[in-house]
Amino acid sequence: MLLFAGKFAPYILSTCLVSLSTLMLPSSARNAFITGMYPLVAMCTVYDRDLIHAALPADARPLFRRLFDDYKRFHMFKGQI
């Protein structure tokens, strides 16, 4: 099942980002929602990330940039223990 999830991850991620940029959520719910998107970012390739960035509306792009920067800083495995 997870084998096919990577194919749909960019579309799910872009839908979540557009929804998150338009909905007014409490900060605790928003942070939990963003934390739950890190596995979707991990499934995306470089091409997928470029596709998401190009397809997102202008108001959701800063949210995607911040999500990806936080993913690289806190969630991405770098091989160091």
PDB file of N, CA and C in Angstrom:
ATOM      1  N   MET A   1       0.814  -1.186   0.000  1.00  0.00           N
ATOM      2  CA  MET A   1       0.000   0.000   0.000  1.00  0.00           C
ATOM      3  C   MET A   1       0.863   1.257   0.000  1.00  0.00           C
ATOM      4  N   LEU A   2       1.934   1.296   0.768  1.00  0.00           N
ATOM      5  CA  LEU A   2       2.797   2.470   0.817  1.00  0.00           C
ATOM      6  C   LEU A   2       3.578   2.660  -0.472  1.00  0.00           C
ATOM      7  N   LEU A   3       3.680   1.598  -1.269  1.00  0.00           N
ATOM      8  CA  LEU A   3       4.396   1.700  -2.527  1.00  0.00           C
ATOM      9  C   LEU A   3       3.723   2.713  -3.451  1.00  0.00           C
ATOM     10  N   PHE A   4       2.414   2.733  -3.465  1.00  0.00           N
ATOM     11  CA  PHE A   4       1.678   3.637  -4.330  1.00  0.00           C
ATOM     12  C   PHE A   4       1.415   4.995  -3.684  1.00  0.00           C
ATOM     13  N   ALA A   5       1.640   5.114  -2.400  1.00  0.00           N
ATOM     14  CA  ALA A   5       1.368   6.381  -1.711  1.00  0.00           C
ATOM     15  C   ALA A   5       2.290   7.489  -2.204  1.00  0.00           C
ATOM     16  N   GLY A   6       3.502   7.150  -2.599  1.00  0.00           N
ATOM     17  CA  GLY A   6       4.444   8.146  -3.085  1.00  0.00           C
ATOM     18  C   GLY A   6       3.990   8.820  -4.364  1.00  0.00           C
ATOM     19  N   LYS A   7       3.216   8.106  -5.171  1.00  0.00           N
ATOM     20  CA  LYS A   7       2.724   8.681  -6.420  1.00  0.00           C
ATOM     21  C   LYS A   7       1.692   9.773  -6.167  1.00  0.00           C
ATOM     22  N   PHE A   8       0.936   9.629  -5.094  1.00  0.00           N
ATOM     23  CA  PHE A   8      -0.132  10.571  -4.798  1.00  0.00           C
ATOM     24  C   PHE A   8       0.256  11.615  -3.765  1.00  0.00           C
ATOM     25  N   ALA A   9       1.428  11.484  -3.173  1.00  0.00           N
ATOM     26  CA  ALA A   9       1.863  12.398  -2.116  1.00  0.00           C
ATOM     27  C   ALA A   9       1.896  13.855  -2.558  1.00  0.00           C
ATOM     28  N   PRO A  10       2.385  14.192  -3.759  1.00  0.00           N
ATOM     29  CA  PRO A  10       2.396  15.611  -4.140  1.00  0.00           C
ATOM     30  C   PRO A  10       0.995  16.215  -4.241  1.00  0.00           C
ATOM     31  N   TYR A  11       0.055  15.429  -4.716  1.00  0.00           N
ATOM     32  CA  TYR A  11      -1.306  15.933  -4.871  1.00  0.00           C
ATOM     33  C   TYR A  11      -1.989  16.098  -3.515  1.00  0.00           C
ATOM     34  N   ILE A  12      -1.769  15.147  -2.630  1.00  0.00           N
ATOM     35  CA  ILE A  12      -2.334  15.248  -1.283  1.00  0.00           C
ATOM     36  C   ILE A  12      -1.709  16.431  -0.552  1.00  0.00           C
ATOM     37  N   LEU A  13      -0.403  16.576  -0.697  1.00  0.00           N
ATOM     38  CA  LEU A  13       0.306  17.669  -0.034  1.00  0.00           C
ATOM     39  C   LEU A  13      -0.157  19.030  -0.544  1.00  0.00           C
ATOM     40  N   SER A  14      -0.322  19.162  -1.854  1.00  0.00           N
ATOM     41  CA  SER A  14      -0.768  20.454  -2.386  1.00  0.00           C
ATOM     42  C   SER A  14      -2.196  20.769  -1.963  1.00  0.00           C
ATOM     43  N   THR A  15      -3.056  19.755  -1.902  1.00  0.00           N
ATOM     44  CA  THR A  15      -4.420  19.972  -1.433  1.00  0.00           C
ATOM     45  C   THR A  15      -4.430  20.398   0.032  1.00  0.00           C
ATOM     46  N   CYS A  16      -3.598  19.763   0.833  1.00  0.00           N
ATOM     47  CA  CYS A  16      -3.510  20.134   2.253  1.00  0.00           C
ATOM     48  C   CYS A  16      -2.984  21.554   2.422  1.00  0.00           C
ATOM     49  N   LEU A  17      -1.994  21.934   1.632  1.00  0.00           N
ATOM     50  CA  LEU A  17      -1.434  23.278   1.750  1.00  0.00           C
ATOM     51  C   LEU A  17      -2.430  24.352   1.327  1.00  0.00           C
ATOM     52  N   VAL A  18      -3.181  24.097   0.263  1.00  0.00           N
ATOM     53  CA  VAL A  18      -4.193  25.072  -0.161  1.00  0.00           C
ATOM     54  C   VAL A  18      -5.277  25.188   0.904  1.00  0.00           C
ATOM     55  N   SER A  19      -5.691  24.053   1.456  1.00  0.00           N
ATOM     56  CA  SER A  19      -6.705  24.086   2.506  1.00  0.00           C
ATOM     57  C   SER A  19      -6.193  24.802   3.748  1.00  0.00           C
ATOM     58  N   LEU A  20      -4.957  24.543   4.092  1.00  0.00           N
ATOM     59  CA  LEU A  20      -4.375  25.169   5.275  1.00  0.00           C
ATOM     60  C   LEU A  20      -4.208  26.674   5.095  1.00  0.00           C
ATOM     61  N   SER A  21      -3.955  27.105   3.864  1.00  0.00           N
ATOM     62  CA  SER A  21      -3.788  28.540   3.637  1.00  0.00           C
ATOM     63  C   SER A  21      -5.127  29.286   3.641  1.00  0.00           C
ATOM     64  N   THR A  22      -6.217  28.568   3.399  1.00  0.00           N
ATOM     65  CA  THR A  22      -7.516  29.239   3.365  1.00  0.00           C
ATOM     66  C   THR A  22      -8.295  29.096   4.665  1.00  0.00           C
ATOM     67  N   LEU A  23      -8.044  28.047   5.439  1.00  0.00           N
ATOM     68  CA  LEU A  23      -8.790  27.821   6.674  1.00  0.00           C
ATOM     69  C   LEU A  23      -8.142  28.543   7.843  1.00  0.00           C
ATOM     70  N   MET A  24      -8.971  28.993   8.754  1.00  0.00           N
ATOM     71  CA  MET A  24      -8.481  29.583   9.985  1.00  0.00           C
ATOM     72  C   MET A  24      -8.560  28.522  11.077  1.00  0.00           C
ATOM     73  N   LEU A  25      -7.410  27.978  11.447  1.00  0.00           N
ATOM     74  CA  LEU A  25      -7.335  26.953  12.475  1.00  0.00           C
ATOM     75  C   LEU A  25      -6.616  27.503  13.693  1.00  0.00           C
ATOM     76  N   PRO A  26      -6.916  26.957  14.865  1.00  0.00           N
ATOM     77  CA  PRO A  26      -6.118  27.321  16.046  1.00  0.00           C
ATOM     78  C   PRO A  26      -4.666  26.888  15.838  1.00  0.00           C
ATOM     79  N   SER A  27      -3.756  27.569  16.479  1.00  0.00           N
ATOM     80  CA  SER A  27      -2.331  27.291  16.250  1.00  0.00           C
ATOM     81  C   SER A  27      -1.944  25.865  16.632  1.00  0.00           C
ATOM     82  N   SER A  28      -2.552  25.303  17.659  1.00  0.00           N
ATOM     83  CA  SER A  28      -2.209  23.932  18.040  1.00  0.00           C
ATOM     84  C   SER A  28      -2.655  22.941  16.966  1.00  0.00           C
ATOM     85  N   ALA A  29      -3.826  23.149  16.407  1.00  0.00           N
ATOM     86  CA  ALA A  29      -4.306  22.268  15.335  1.00  0.00           C
ATOM     87  C   ALA A  29      -3.479  22.469  14.071  1.00  0.00           C
ATOM     88  N   ARG A  30      -3.114  23.692  13.805  1.00  0.00           N
ATOM     89  CA  ARG A  30      -2.297  23.996  12.618  1.00  0.00           C
ATOM     90  C   ARG A  30      -0.924  23.345  12.733  1.00  0.00           C
ATOM     91  N   ASN A  31      -0.306  23.420  13.905  1.00  0.00           N
ATOM     92  CA  ASN A  31       1.006  22.794  14.098  1.00  0.00           C
ATOM     93  C   ASN A  31       0.930  21.280  13.982  1.00  0.00           C
ATOM     94  N   ALA A  32      -0.129  20.682  14.514  1.00  0.00           N
ATOM     95  CA  ALA A  32      -0.303  19.230  14.395  1.00  0.00           C
ATOM     96  C   ALA A  32      -0.522  18.829  12.942  1.00  0.00           C
ATOM     97  N   PHE A  33      -1.264  19.632  12.218  1.00  0.00           N
ATOM     98  CA  PHE A  33      -1.529  19.365  10.807  1.00  0.00           C
ATOM     99  C   PHE A  33      -0.237  19.446   9.996  1.00  0.00           C
ATOM    100  N   ILE A  34       0.578  20.455  10.270  1.00  0.00           N
ATOM    101  CA  ILE A  34       1.845  20.621   9.560  1.00  0.00           C
ATOM    102  C   ILE A  34       2.808  19.495   9.907  1.00  0.00           C
ATOM    103  N   THR A  35       2.855  19.087  11.160  1.00  0.00           N
ATOM    104  CA  THR A  35       3.712  17.968  11.555  1.00  0.00           C
ATOM    105  C   THR A  35       3.298  16.681  10.854  1.00  0.00           C
ATOM    106  N   GLY A  36       2.012  16.506  10.644  1.00  0.00           N
ATOM    107  CA  GLY A  36       1.524  15.329   9.937  1.00  0.00           C
ATOM    108  C   GLY A  36       1.846  15.331   8.456  1.00  0.00           C
ATOM    109  N   MET A  37       2.234  16.475   7.913  1.00  0.00           N
ATOM    110  CA  MET A  37       2.584  16.549   6.490  1.00  0.00           C
ATOM    111  C   MET A  37       4.044  16.206   6.210  1.00  0.00           C
ATOM    112  N   TYR A  38       4.874  16.094   7.233  1.00  0.00           N
ATOM    113  CA  TYR A  38       6.282  15.761   7.012  1.00  0.00           C
ATOM    114  C   TYR A  38       6.477  14.415   6.304  1.00  0.00           C
ATOM    115  N   PRO A  39       5.726  13.358   6.650  1.00  0.00           N
ATOM    116  CA  PRO A  39       5.894  12.115   5.887  1.00  0.00           C
ATOM    117  C   PRO A  39       5.524  12.259   4.405  1.00  0.00           C
ATOM    118  N   LEU A  40       4.570  13.137   4.100  1.00  0.00           N
ATOM    119  CA  LEU A  40       4.237  13.378   2.697  1.00  0.00           C
ATOM    120  C   LEU A  40       5.386  14.083   1.978  1.00  0.00           C
ATOM    121  N   VAL A  41       6.025  15.013   2.655  1.00  0.00           N
ATOM    122  CA  VAL A  41       7.180  15.694   2.064  1.00  0.00           C
ATOM    123  C   VAL A  41       8.314  14.692   1.841  1.00  0.00           C
ATOM    124  N   ALA A  42       8.470  13.743   2.756  1.00  0.00           N
ATOM    125  CA  ALA A  42       9.529  12.742   2.616  1.00  0.00           C
ATOM    126  C   ALA A  42       9.308  11.837   1.414  1.00  0.00           C
ATOM    127  N   MET A  43       8.052  11.632   1.020  1.00  0.00           N
ATOM    128  CA  MET A  43       7.749  10.775  -0.128  1.00  0.00           C
ATOM    129  C   MET A  43       7.944  11.490  -1.460  1.00  0.00           C
ATOM    130  N   CYS A  44       8.070  12.799  -1.456  1.00  0.00           N
ATOM    131  CA  CYS A  44       8.177  13.566  -2.695  1.00  0.00           C
ATOM    132  C   CYS A  44       9.616  13.605  -3.201  1.00  0.00           C
ATOM    133  N   THR A  45       9.748  13.510  -4.503  1.00  0.00           N
ATOM    134  CA  THR A  45      11.056  13.656  -5.136  1.00  0.00           C
ATOM    135  C   THR A  45      11.313  15.140  -5.398  1.00  0.00           C
ATOM    136  N   VAL A  46      12.479  15.460  -5.909  1.00  0.00           N
ATOM    137  CA  VAL A  46      12.801  16.840  -6.245  1.00  0.00           C
ATOM    138  C   VAL A  46      11.838  17.345  -7.319  1.00  0.00           C
ATOM    139  N   TYR A  47      11.537  16.509  -8.291  1.00  0.00           N
ATOM    140  CA  TYR A  47      10.586  16.874  -9.338  1.00  0.00           C
ATOM    141  C   TYR A  47       9.206  17.162  -8.751  1.00  0.00           C
ATOM    142  N   ASP A  48       8.784  16.328  -7.806  1.00  0.00           N
ATOM    143  CA  ASP A  48       7.480  16.531  -7.163  1.00  0.00           C
ATOM    144  C   ASP A  48       7.431  17.849  -6.407  1.00  0.00           C
ATOM    145  N   ARG A  49       8.521  18.179  -5.713  1.00  0.00           N
ATOM    146  CA  ARG A  49       8.555  19.438  -4.966  1.00  0.00           C
ATOM    147  C   ARG A  49       8.495  20.639  -5.911  1.00  0.00           C
ATOM    148  N   ASP A  50       9.178  20.545  -7.044  1.00  0.00           N
ATOM    149  CA  ASP A  50       9.100  21.629  -8.031  1.00  0.00           C
ATOM    150  C   ASP A  50       7.701  21.741  -8.613  1.00  0.00           C
ATOM    151  N   LEU A  51       7.057  20.606  -8.843  1.00  0.00           N
ATOM    152  CA  LEU A  51       5.692  20.591  -9.357  1.00  0.00           C
ATOM    153  C   LEU A  51       4.726  21.233  -8.371  1.00  0.00           C
ATOM    154  N   ILE A  52       4.869  20.889  -7.104  1.00  0.00           N
ATOM    155  CA  ILE A  52       4.007  21.469  -6.065  1.00  0.00           C
ATOM    156  C   ILE A  52       4.202  22.980  -6.001  1.00  0.00           C
ATOM    157  N   HIS A  53       5.452  23.405  -6.007  1.00  0.00           N
ATOM    158  CA  HIS A  53       5.734  24.838  -5.904  1.00  0.00           C
ATOM    159  C   HIS A  53       5.152  25.600  -7.091  1.00  0.00           C
ATOM    160  N   ALA A  54       5.224  25.026  -8.275  1.00  0.00           N
ATOM    161  CA  ALA A  54       4.705  25.702  -9.464  1.00  0.00           C
ATOM    162  C   ALA A  54       3.176  25.708  -9.493  1.00  0.00           C
ATOM    163  N   ALA A  55       2.559  24.659  -8.953  1.00  0.00           N
ATOM    164  CA  ALA A  55       1.100  24.534  -9.038  1.00  0.00           C
ATOM    165  C   ALA A  55       0.359  25.259  -7.912  1.00  0.00           C
ATOM    166  N   LEU A  56       1.049  25.566  -6.831  1.00  0.00           N
ATOM    167  CA  LEU A  56       0.375  26.212  -5.699  1.00  0.00           C
ATOM    168  C   LEU A  56       0.019  27.658  -6.015  1.00  0.00           C
ATOM    169  N   PRO A  57      -1.094  28.130  -5.467  1.00  0.00           N
ATOM    170  CA  PRO A  57      -1.384  29.564  -5.592  1.00  0.00           C
ATOM    171  C   PRO A  57      -0.374  30.393  -4.802  1.00  0.00           C
ATOM    172  N   ALA A  58      -0.332  31.666  -5.111  1.00  0.00           N
ATOM    173  CA  ALA A  58       0.686  32.542  -4.508  1.00  0.00           C
ATOM    174  C   ALA A  58       0.586  32.618  -2.989  1.00  0.00           C
ATOM    175  N   ASP A  59      -0.612  32.499  -2.435  1.00  0.00           N
ATOM    176  CA  ASP A  59      -0.735  32.609  -0.978  1.00  0.00           C
ATOM    177  C   ASP A  59      -0.318  31.340  -0.253  1.00  0.00           C
ATOM    178  N   ALA A  60      -0.201  30.208  -0.948  1.00  0.00           N
ATOM    179  CA  ALA A  60       0.203  28.960  -0.306  1.00  0.00           C
ATOM    180  C   ALA A  60       1.695  28.662  -0.476  1.00  0.00           C
ATOM    181  N   ARG A  61       2.366  29.371  -1.373  1.00  0.00           N
ATOM    182  CA  ARG A  61       3.795  29.104  -1.606  1.00  0.00           C
ATOM    183  C   ARG A  61       4.675  29.385  -0.393  1.00  0.00           C
ATOM    184  N   PRO A  62       4.484  30.489   0.326  1.00  0.00           N
ATOM    185  CA  PRO A  62       5.319  30.699   1.520  1.00  0.00           C
ATOM    186  C   PRO A  62       5.115  29.603   2.575  1.00  0.00           C
ATOM    187  N   LEU A  63       3.904  29.107   2.675  1.00  0.00           N
ATOM    188  CA  LEU A  63       3.630  28.014   3.603  1.00  0.00           C
ATOM    189  C   LEU A  63       4.396  26.757   3.202  1.00  0.00           C
ATOM    190  N   PHE A  64       4.453  26.478   1.893  1.00  0.00           N
ATOM    191  CA  PHE A  64       5.208  25.316   1.411  1.00  0.00           C
ATOM    192  C   PHE A  64       6.693  25.503   1.647  1.00  0.00           C
ATOM    193  N   ARG A  65       7.209  26.706   1.408  1.00  0.00           N
ATOM    194  CA  ARG A  65       8.634  26.955   1.649  1.00  0.00           C
ATOM    195  C   ARG A  65       8.988  26.754   3.121  1.00  0.00           C
ATOM    196  N   ARG A  66       8.126  27.275   3.997  1.00  0.00           N
ATOM    197  CA  ARG A  66       8.382  27.120   5.433  1.00  0.00           C
ATOM    198  C   ARG A  66       8.275  25.657   5.845  1.00  0.00           C
ATOM    199  N   LEU A  67       7.292  24.947   5.284  1.00  0.00           N
ATOM    200  CA  LEU A  67       7.144  23.524   5.583  1.00  0.00           C
ATOM    201  C   LEU A  67       8.379  22.754   5.145  1.00  0.00           C
ATOM    202  N   PHE A  68       8.884  23.028   3.948  1.00  0.00           N
ATOM    203  CA  PHE A  68      10.052  22.309   3.448  1.00  0.00           C
ATOM    204  C   PHE A  68      11.312  22.681   4.226  1.00  0.00           C
ATOM    205  N   ASP A  69      11.467  23.946   4.587  1.00  0.00           N
ATOM    206  CA  ASP A  69      12.631  24.355   5.393  1.00  0.00           C
ATOM    207  C   ASP A  69      12.605  23.688   6.767  1.00  0.00           C
ATOM    208  N   ASP A  70      11.435  23.646   7.388  1.00  0.00           N
ATOM    209  CA  ASP A  70      11.315  22.966   8.683  1.00  0.00           C
ATOM    210  C   ASP A  70      11.545  21.472   8.543  1.00  0.00           C
ATOM    211  N   TYR A  71      11.103  20.903   7.442  1.00  0.00           N
ATOM    212  CA  TYR A  71      11.344  19.476   7.184  1.00  0.00           C
ATOM    213  C   TYR A  71      12.843  19.203   7.094  1.00  0.00           C
ATOM    214  N   LYS A  72      13.567  20.029   6.349  1.00  0.00           N
ATOM    215  CA  LYS A  72      15.011  19.826   6.219  1.00  0.00           C
ATOM    216  C   LYS A  72      15.719  20.031   7.547  1.00  0.00           C
ATOM    217  N   ARG A  73      15.255  20.973   8.348  1.00  0.00           N
ATOM    218  CA  ARG A  73      15.932  21.294   9.598  1.00  0.00           C
ATOM    219  C   ARG A  73      15.653  20.281  10.706  1.00  0.00           C
ATOM    220  N   PHE A  74      14.391  19.820  10.822  1.00  0.00           N
ATOM    221  CA  PHE A  74      14.015  19.024  11.987  1.00  0.00           C
ATOM    222  C   PHE A  74      13.653  17.574  11.698  1.00  0.00           C
ATOM    223  N   HIS A  75      13.191  17.267  10.517  1.00  0.00           N
ATOM    224  CA  HIS A  75      12.610  15.951  10.290  1.00  0.00           C
ATOM    225  C   HIS A  75      13.467  15.050   9.379  1.00  0.00           C
ATOM    226  N   MET A  76      14.174  15.629   8.445  1.00  0.00           N
ATOM    227  CA  MET A  76      14.912  14.844   7.457  1.00  0.00           C
ATOM    228  C   MET A  76      16.090  14.120   8.110  1.00  0.00           C
ATOM    229  N   PHE A  77      16.243  12.829   7.778  1.00  0.00           N
ATOM    230  CA  PHE A  77      17.360  12.053   8.305  1.00  0.00           C
ATOM    231  C   PHE A  77      18.619  12.396   7.515  1.00  0.00           C
ATOM    232  N   LYS A  78      19.686  12.733   8.241  1.00  0.00           N
ATOM    233  CA  LYS A  78      20.937  13.149   7.591  1.00  0.00           C
ATOM    234  C   LYS A  78      22.038  12.125   7.755  1.00  0.00           C
ATOM    235  N   GLY A  79      21.753  11.001   8.373  1.00  0.00           N
ATOM    236  CA  GLY A  79      22.754   9.964   8.530  1.00  0.00           C
ATOM    237  C   GLY A  79      23.591  10.097   9.782  1.00  0.00           C
ATOM    238  N   GLN A  80      23.302  11.068  10.612  1.00  0.00           N
ATOM    239  CA  GLN A  80      24.056  11.264  11.847  1.00  0.00           C
ATOM    240  C   GLN A  80      23.193  10.846  13.022  1.00  0.00           C
ATOM    241  N   ILE A  81      23.813  10.133  13.934  1.00  0.00           N
ATOM    242  CA  ILE A  81      23.099   9.689  15.122  1.00  0.00           C
ATOM    243  C   ILE A  81      23.663  10.399  16.330  1.00  0.00           C
TER     244      ILE A  81
END
